[in-house]
Amino acid sequence: MSKIVGSILFVFLLGFLVFFTWSLNQGPKQVIEQVFDVTILDSVSMEEAAGPP
């Protein structure tokens, strides 16, 4: 039983390590956009996209 728990824990820790090292190469903004399939817009870019009033 403890071998199964150890194996599962090892897989989770290895997955976390891979995700962590991958996210270091990306910025936190890109990680959130790719993991949750969303687009994050900065308030500055939204003002530029709107143009002058």
N, C-alpha and C. Protein backbone atom coordinates (compact mmCIF):
# COMPACT_ATOMS: atom_id res chain seq x y z
N MET A 1 0.83 -1.20 0.00
CA MET A 1 0.00 0.00 0.00
C MET A 1 0.87 1.26 0.00
N SER A 2 1.93 1.26 0.79
CA SER A 2 2.78 2.45 0.85
C SER A 2 3.53 2.65 -0.46
N LYS A 3 3.77 1.57 -1.21
CA LYS A 3 4.43 1.71 -2.51
C LYS A 3 3.52 2.44 -3.49
N ILE A 4 2.22 2.16 -3.42
CA ILE A 4 1.26 2.82 -4.30
C ILE A 4 1.19 4.31 -3.98
N VAL A 5 1.10 4.62 -2.70
CA VAL A 5 1.04 6.02 -2.27
C VAL A 5 2.33 6.74 -2.67
N GLY A 6 3.45 6.09 -2.50
CA GLY A 6 4.73 6.68 -2.88
C GLY A 6 4.82 6.92 -4.38
N SER A 7 4.31 5.98 -5.16
CA SER A 7 4.33 6.13 -6.62
C SER A 7 3.44 7.29 -7.07
N ILE A 8 2.25 7.37 -6.48
CA ILE A 8 1.33 8.46 -6.83
C ILE A 8 1.92 9.80 -6.43
N LEU A 9 2.51 9.87 -5.25
CA LEU A 9 3.13 11.11 -4.79
C LEU A 9 4.28 11.50 -5.71
N PHE A 10 5.07 10.53 -6.13
CA PHE A 10 6.19 10.80 -7.04
C PHE A 10 5.70 11.36 -8.37
N VAL A 11 4.64 10.79 -8.91
CA VAL A 11 4.09 11.26 -10.19
C VAL A 11 3.59 12.69 -10.05
N PHE A 12 2.88 12.99 -8.96
CA PHE A 12 2.39 14.35 -8.75
C PHE A 12 3.53 15.35 -8.58
N LEU A 13 4.54 14.98 -7.82
CA LEU A 13 5.68 15.88 -7.63
C LEU A 13 6.44 16.09 -8.93
N LEU A 14 6.59 15.03 -9.72
CA LEU A 14 7.27 15.16 -11.00
C LEU A 14 6.47 16.06 -11.94
N GLY A 15 5.16 15.88 -11.96
CA GLY A 15 4.30 16.74 -12.78
C GLY A 15 4.38 18.20 -12.34
N PHE A 16 4.39 18.42 -11.03
CA PHE A 16 4.51 19.78 -10.52
C PHE A 16 5.85 20.39 -10.91
N LEU A 17 6.92 19.60 -10.84
CA LEU A 17 8.24 20.09 -11.22
C LEU A 17 8.29 20.45 -12.70
N VAL A 18 7.71 19.62 -13.55
CA VAL A 18 7.68 19.91 -14.99
C VAL A 18 6.87 21.17 -15.25
N PHE A 19 5.70 21.30 -14.61
CA PHE A 19 4.87 22.49 -14.80
C PHE A 19 5.58 23.73 -14.30
N PHE A 20 6.27 23.62 -13.16
CA PHE A 20 6.97 24.77 -12.59
C PHE A 20 8.10 25.23 -13.50
N THR A 21 8.90 24.28 -14.01
CA THR A 21 10.01 24.67 -14.88
C THR A 21 9.50 25.22 -16.20
N TRP A 22 8.39 24.69 -16.70
CA TRP A 22 7.80 25.22 -17.93
C TRP A 22 7.29 26.64 -17.70
N SER A 23 6.67 26.89 -16.54
CA SER A 23 6.12 28.21 -16.27
C SER A 23 7.21 29.24 -16.02
N LEU A 24 8.42 28.79 -15.65
CA LEU A 24 9.51 29.75 -15.50
C LEU A 24 9.93 30.33 -16.85
N ASN A 25 9.81 29.54 -17.91
CA ASN A 25 10.16 30.02 -19.24
C ASN A 25 9.09 30.95 -19.78
N GLN A 26 7.87 30.81 -19.30
CA GLN A 26 6.76 31.68 -19.69
C GLN A 26 6.61 32.75 -18.61
N GLY A 27 5.85 33.77 -18.92
CA GLY A 27 5.48 34.72 -17.87
C GLY A 27 4.21 34.22 -17.19
N PRO A 28 3.89 34.73 -16.01
CA PRO A 28 2.67 34.29 -15.33
C PRO A 28 1.42 34.59 -16.16
N LYS A 29 1.45 35.68 -16.92
CA LYS A 29 0.31 36.03 -17.78
C LYS A 29 0.10 34.97 -18.86
N GLN A 30 1.20 34.55 -19.51
CA GLN A 30 1.09 33.55 -20.56
C GLN A 30 0.65 32.20 -20.00
N VAL A 31 1.12 31.86 -18.80
CA VAL A 31 0.75 30.58 -18.19
C VAL A 31 -0.75 30.54 -17.94
N ILE A 32 -1.30 31.61 -17.36
CA ILE A 32 -2.74 31.66 -17.08
C ILE A 32 -3.53 31.60 -18.37
N GLU A 33 -3.07 32.34 -19.40
CA GLU A 33 -3.77 32.34 -20.68
C GLU A 33 -3.78 30.95 -21.31
N GLN A 34 -2.66 30.24 -21.25
CA GLN A 34 -2.58 28.94 -21.90
C GLN A 34 -3.29 27.85 -21.11
N VAL A 35 -3.18 27.87 -19.78
CA VAL A 35 -3.78 26.82 -18.97
C VAL A 35 -5.30 26.94 -18.98
N PHE A 36 -5.83 28.16 -18.82
CA PHE A 36 -7.27 28.35 -18.71
C PHE A 36 -7.91 28.79 -20.02
N ASP A 37 -7.13 28.90 -21.11
CA ASP A 37 -7.63 29.26 -22.43
C ASP A 37 -8.42 30.58 -22.39
N VAL A 38 -7.80 31.59 -21.80
CA VAL A 38 -8.40 32.92 -21.73
C VAL A 38 -7.41 33.93 -22.31
N THR A 39 -7.89 35.14 -22.55
CA THR A 39 -7.03 36.22 -23.01
C THR A 39 -7.07 37.33 -21.97
N ILE A 40 -5.90 37.74 -21.51
CA ILE A 40 -5.81 38.80 -20.51
C ILE A 40 -5.45 40.09 -21.22
N LEU A 41 -6.27 41.10 -21.04
CA LEU A 41 -6.02 42.40 -21.64
C LEU A 41 -5.58 43.38 -20.56
N ASP A 42 -4.51 44.11 -20.84
CA ASP A 42 -4.07 45.15 -19.92
C ASP A 42 -4.99 46.35 -20.06
N SER A 43 -5.14 47.12 -18.99
CA SER A 43 -5.99 48.30 -19.07
C SER A 43 -5.40 49.33 -20.03
N VAL A 44 -4.07 49.38 -20.13
CA VAL A 44 -3.43 50.31 -21.05
C VAL A 44 -3.75 49.93 -22.49
N SER A 45 -3.65 48.65 -22.82
CA SER A 45 -3.91 48.21 -24.18
C SER A 45 -5.39 48.38 -24.53
N MET A 46 -6.28 48.27 -23.56
CA MET A 46 -7.70 48.47 -23.83
C MET A 46 -7.97 49.94 -24.14
N GLU A 47 -7.27 50.84 -23.45
CA GLU A 47 -7.45 52.27 -23.73
C GLU A 47 -6.91 52.61 -25.11
N GLU A 48 -5.78 52.00 -25.49
CA GLU A 48 -5.22 52.25 -26.81
C GLU A 48 -6.13 51.69 -27.90
N ALA A 49 -6.74 50.55 -27.65
CA ALA A 49 -7.62 49.93 -28.64
C ALA A 49 -8.89 50.76 -28.82
N ALA A 50 -9.33 51.42 -27.76
CA ALA A 50 -10.54 52.23 -27.85
C ALA A 50 -10.31 53.50 -28.66
N GLY A 51 -9.09 53.97 -28.67
CA GLY A 51 -8.78 55.18 -29.43
C GLY A 51 -9.12 56.43 -28.64
N PRO A 52 -8.91 57.57 -29.27
CA PRO A 52 -9.21 58.83 -28.56
C PRO A 52 -10.72 59.00 -28.40
N PRO A 53 -11.14 59.62 -27.31
CA PRO A 53 -12.59 59.80 -27.07
C PRO A 53 -13.20 60.81 -28.01
